[in-house]
Amino acid sequence: MSGKFEAFKAIYIEAQVCTICPDLADKTAVLSELNGSLDPKVFFVGEAPGRAGADRTRRPFTGDKSGDNLQILFDSIGLSRDDVFLTSAVMCSPRSATDANRKPTRAEIRNCSHYLRRLLELIDPPLVATLGAVGLDSLKLIEAHSFTLKEHAGTIQHWNGRILVPLYHPSPLVIASQRGLDIQLAHFQALRQAIENC
C-alpha cells in the first residue's frame, strides 16, 4: 500500500499547487488523505468543494448540509466514510462574484479531468458512483458514455470496465426542488446492491 500511497501523494501535491484555472488560481484543491480509502468499496465523484463545507474543512462533503444529507444516505445502507473515496469533477471551490458557490465551467472540468483520470487509474475502484450531473458528465472526458440522471439515476450501469451508479447530488437545493430525500434513499438501495455484487 505504501507505493500506492506515495503515488497518490504525488498526485495530490501536484493538484494542491495547480493554478491552471484563472478563476481558481487562488484556491487549493481539496485532495489529500482526508478524501478517504485508497481501497474503497465506492469511488464517489461530486461536483466541486463547497465554500462553507469541503473548502473550509478540507474533507469532501463535510461541514455543510450536503455533507449532512450524504451521511444520512450512507447510514441508510450501512456505508462508512472509511470505506469510500470522495472527490469531485473540479477539486477547487468555484465562487461567484459574490463569493457564493457556483457551478464549475466546462474549461474547469476539462482542466481537472486529468487528475480524476489518474486517481481512477491509481485507485482502480470496481464501483464508481457520481453525485449530480456535473460528476456524471465529467466521466465523459475519461471514457465516453451516454448516461443521464433523468434516465439512469439509481440504476446499475457499466462504464470503463467498472460498475457505475449515477446518483443525484445530496444538496439541499436538489432535495427541496427536484429529487427528495425519499427518492435518493431509494437510489442508494441500488448502490447497496452494486456494492454487494462487486
Protein backbone atom coordinates (compact mmCIF):
# COMPACT_ATOMS: atom_id res chain seq x y z
CA MET A 1 0.00 0.00 0.00
CA SER A 2 2.94 2.34 0.62
CA GLY A 3 3.76 2.54 -3.11
CA LYS A 4 0.13 3.33 -3.88
CA PHE A 5 0.04 5.97 -1.16
CA GLU A 6 3.24 7.59 -2.43
CA ALA A 7 1.75 7.75 -5.95
CA PHE A 8 -1.44 9.24 -4.51
CA LYS A 9 0.56 11.77 -2.52
CA ALA A 10 2.35 12.87 -5.68
CA ILE A 11 -0.99 13.46 -7.40
CA TYR A 12 -2.47 15.45 -4.56
CA ILE A 13 0.62 17.60 -4.04
CA GLU A 14 0.53 18.44 -7.75
CA ALA A 15 -3.19 19.24 -7.57
CA GLN A 16 -2.81 21.42 -4.49
CA VAL A 17 -0.37 23.75 -6.24
CA CYS A 18 -2.18 23.74 -9.60
CA THR A 19 -3.04 27.23 -10.93
CA ILE A 20 -4.18 26.37 -14.47
CA CYS A 21 -7.75 27.73 -13.99
CA PRO A 22 -7.63 31.55 -13.87
CA ASP A 23 -10.66 31.93 -11.58
CA LEU A 24 -9.43 29.19 -9.22
CA ALA A 25 -5.73 30.10 -9.11
CA ASP A 26 -6.05 31.39 -5.53
CA LYS A 27 -7.87 28.23 -4.35
CA THR A 28 -6.37 24.96 -3.14
CA ALA A 29 -7.57 21.58 -4.35
CA VAL A 30 -9.46 19.53 -1.79
CA LEU A 31 -7.40 16.40 -2.27
CA SER A 32 -5.45 14.63 0.47
CA GLU A 33 -5.61 11.67 2.83
CA LEU A 34 -8.91 13.16 4.04
CA ASN A 35 -10.64 12.09 0.82
CA GLY A 36 -10.85 8.52 2.04
CA SER A 37 -9.67 4.99 1.44
CA LEU A 38 -7.30 4.07 -1.39
CA ASP A 39 -9.00 0.67 -1.45
CA PRO A 40 -12.63 1.83 -1.39
CA LYS A 41 -15.89 -0.02 -1.84
CA VAL A 42 -17.13 3.03 -3.77
CA PHE A 43 -15.32 5.86 -5.57
CA PHE A 44 -17.61 8.92 -5.48
CA VAL A 45 -17.38 11.84 -7.91
CA GLY A 46 -19.25 15.01 -6.94
CA GLU A 47 -19.34 18.49 -8.48
CA ALA A 48 -16.84 20.70 -6.60
CA PRO A 49 -15.97 21.55 -2.99
CA GLY A 50 -18.49 23.86 -1.35
CA ARG A 51 -17.33 27.15 0.15
CA ALA A 52 -18.81 26.52 3.60
CA GLY A 53 -18.09 22.79 3.56
CA ALA A 54 -15.15 20.99 1.99
CA ASP A 55 -13.22 24.15 1.07
CA ARG A 56 -13.21 25.04 4.77
CA THR A 57 -12.84 21.58 6.34
CA ARG A 58 -10.54 20.20 3.57
CA ARG A 59 -12.60 16.98 3.65
CA PRO A 60 -15.18 16.35 0.88
CA PHE A 61 -18.83 16.52 1.88
CA THR A 62 -18.29 17.69 5.44
CA GLY A 63 -19.24 20.88 7.24
CA ASP A 64 -22.38 21.72 5.27
CA LYS A 65 -25.91 20.46 4.60
CA SER A 66 -24.87 18.48 1.52
CA GLY A 67 -22.45 16.55 3.70
CA ASP A 68 -25.11 16.01 6.35
CA ASN A 69 -27.51 14.69 3.72
CA LEU A 70 -24.85 12.40 2.26
CA GLN A 71 -24.22 10.99 5.73
CA ILE A 72 -27.93 10.15 6.05
CA LEU A 73 -27.73 8.35 2.70
CA PHE A 74 -24.59 6.49 3.75
CA ASP A 75 -26.19 5.47 7.04
CA SER A 76 -29.25 4.14 5.19
CA ILE A 77 -27.13 1.40 3.58
CA GLY A 78 -24.55 0.97 6.33
CA LEU A 79 -21.77 2.63 4.35
CA SER A 80 -18.87 4.16 6.29
CA ARG A 81 -16.74 7.06 5.12
CA ASP A 82 -13.78 4.79 5.91
CA ASP A 83 -14.98 2.53 3.06
CA VAL A 84 -15.19 5.17 0.33
CA PHE A 85 -13.12 7.68 -1.62
CA LEU A 86 -14.80 11.05 -2.21
CA THR A 87 -13.65 13.52 -4.84
CA SER A 88 -15.08 15.96 -7.38
CA ALA A 89 -15.12 16.80 -11.06
CA VAL A 90 -13.39 20.06 -10.06
CA MET A 91 -11.21 19.89 -6.98
CA CYS A 92 -11.09 23.58 -6.10
CA SER A 93 -14.07 25.61 -4.91
CA PRO A 94 -15.61 27.74 -7.71
CA ARG A 95 -17.00 31.06 -6.45
CA SER A 96 -19.28 33.67 -7.97
CA ALA A 97 -18.59 37.41 -7.87
CA THR A 98 -20.45 37.49 -4.54
CA ASP A 99 -18.26 34.64 -3.15
CA ALA A 100 -21.14 32.16 -3.31
CA ASN A 101 -20.78 28.64 -4.70
CA ARG A 102 -21.13 28.42 -8.48
CA LYS A 103 -21.25 25.60 -10.98
CA PRO A 104 -17.83 24.78 -12.46
CA THR A 105 -17.24 25.81 -16.05
CA ARG A 106 -16.59 23.28 -18.79
CA ALA A 107 -13.00 24.50 -19.01
CA GLU A 108 -12.51 23.95 -15.27
CA ILE A 109 -13.96 20.43 -15.53
CA ARG A 110 -11.72 19.69 -18.51
CA ASN A 111 -8.63 21.07 -16.75
CA CYS A 112 -9.27 18.89 -13.68
CA SER A 113 -10.14 15.76 -15.65
CA HIS A 114 -6.53 14.54 -15.83
CA TYR A 115 -6.41 14.43 -12.01
CA LEU A 116 -9.66 12.47 -11.94
CA ARG A 117 -8.35 10.08 -14.60
CA ARG A 118 -5.12 9.50 -12.68
CA LEU A 119 -6.99 8.90 -9.42
CA LEU A 120 -9.26 6.34 -11.08
CA GLU A 121 -6.29 4.57 -12.67
CA LEU A 122 -4.34 4.50 -9.40
CA ILE A 123 -7.15 3.58 -7.02
CA ASP A 124 -8.77 1.30 -9.61
CA PRO A 125 -12.16 1.02 -7.90
CA PRO A 126 -14.61 -1.66 -9.03
CA LEU A 127 -17.53 0.69 -8.38
CA VAL A 128 -17.94 4.39 -9.22
CA ALA A 129 -20.90 6.49 -8.09
CA THR A 130 -21.49 10.02 -9.31
CA LEU A 131 -23.28 12.65 -7.24
CA GLY A 132 -25.06 15.01 -9.61
CA ALA A 133 -24.98 15.82 -13.32
CA VAL A 134 -21.57 17.53 -13.25
CA GLY A 135 -19.93 14.45 -11.72
CA LEU A 136 -21.64 12.17 -14.23
CA ASP A 137 -20.73 14.36 -17.21
CA SER A 138 -17.12 14.68 -16.06
CA LEU A 139 -16.64 10.95 -16.63
CA LYS A 140 -17.22 11.50 -20.36
CA LEU A 141 -13.79 13.14 -20.53
CA ILE A 142 -12.27 9.87 -19.35
CA GLU A 143 -14.43 7.37 -21.25
CA ALA A 144 -17.43 8.33 -23.40
CA HIS A 145 -20.90 7.41 -22.18
CA SER A 146 -24.50 8.45 -22.84
CA PHE A 147 -25.90 8.21 -19.30
CA THR A 148 -28.10 10.96 -17.92
CA LEU A 149 -29.55 11.47 -14.48
CA LYS A 150 -33.05 11.73 -15.95
CA GLU A 151 -32.86 8.21 -17.39
CA HIS A 152 -30.22 6.45 -15.31
CA ALA A 153 -30.25 7.83 -11.74
CA GLY A 154 -30.33 4.98 -9.25
CA THR A 155 -29.50 2.29 -11.83
CA ILE A 156 -26.53 -0.03 -12.15
CA GLN A 157 -24.55 0.56 -15.33
CA HIS A 158 -21.22 -0.50 -16.85
CA TRP A 159 -18.61 2.14 -17.70
CA ASN A 160 -14.90 1.94 -18.47
CA GLY A 161 -14.60 -1.62 -17.17
CA ARG A 162 -16.32 -0.73 -13.91
CA ILE A 163 -19.77 -0.66 -12.35
CA LEU A 164 -21.29 2.85 -12.37
CA VAL A 165 -24.25 4.08 -10.33
CA PRO A 166 -25.36 7.63 -11.23
CA LEU A 167 -26.96 9.39 -8.26
CA TYR A 168 -28.44 12.81 -7.61
CA HIS A 169 -26.42 15.35 -5.65
CA PRO A 170 -27.42 15.48 -1.97
CA SER A 171 -27.53 19.28 -1.86
CA PRO A 172 -30.46 20.85 0.00
CA LEU A 173 -31.47 22.67 -3.20
CA VAL A 174 -31.75 19.42 -5.18
CA ILE A 175 -33.59 17.67 -2.35
CA ALA A 176 -36.02 20.55 -1.87
CA SER A 177 -36.77 21.31 -5.52
CA GLN A 178 -36.12 18.23 -7.64
CA ARG A 179 -35.31 14.89 -6.06
CA GLY A 180 -36.43 14.50 -2.46
CA LEU A 181 -34.57 12.54 0.16
CA ASP A 182 -37.01 9.62 -0.19
CA ILE A 183 -36.07 9.26 -3.88
CA GLN A 184 -32.38 9.49 -3.08
CA LEU A 185 -32.73 6.90 -0.31
CA ALA A 186 -34.34 4.55 -2.84
CA HIS A 187 -31.49 5.17 -5.31
CA PHE A 188 -28.95 4.32 -2.62
CA GLN A 189 -30.52 0.88 -2.40
CA ALA A 190 -29.26 0.33 -5.96
CA LEU A 191 -25.83 1.39 -4.75
CA ARG A 192 -26.08 -1.10 -1.88
CA GLN A 193 -26.93 -3.84 -4.38
CA ALA A 194 -23.98 -2.86 -6.56
CA ILE A 195 -21.63 -2.99 -3.54
CA GLU A 196 -22.91 -6.45 -2.64
CA ASN A 197 -22.38 -7.65 -6.23
CA CYS A 198 -18.82 -6.33 -6.58
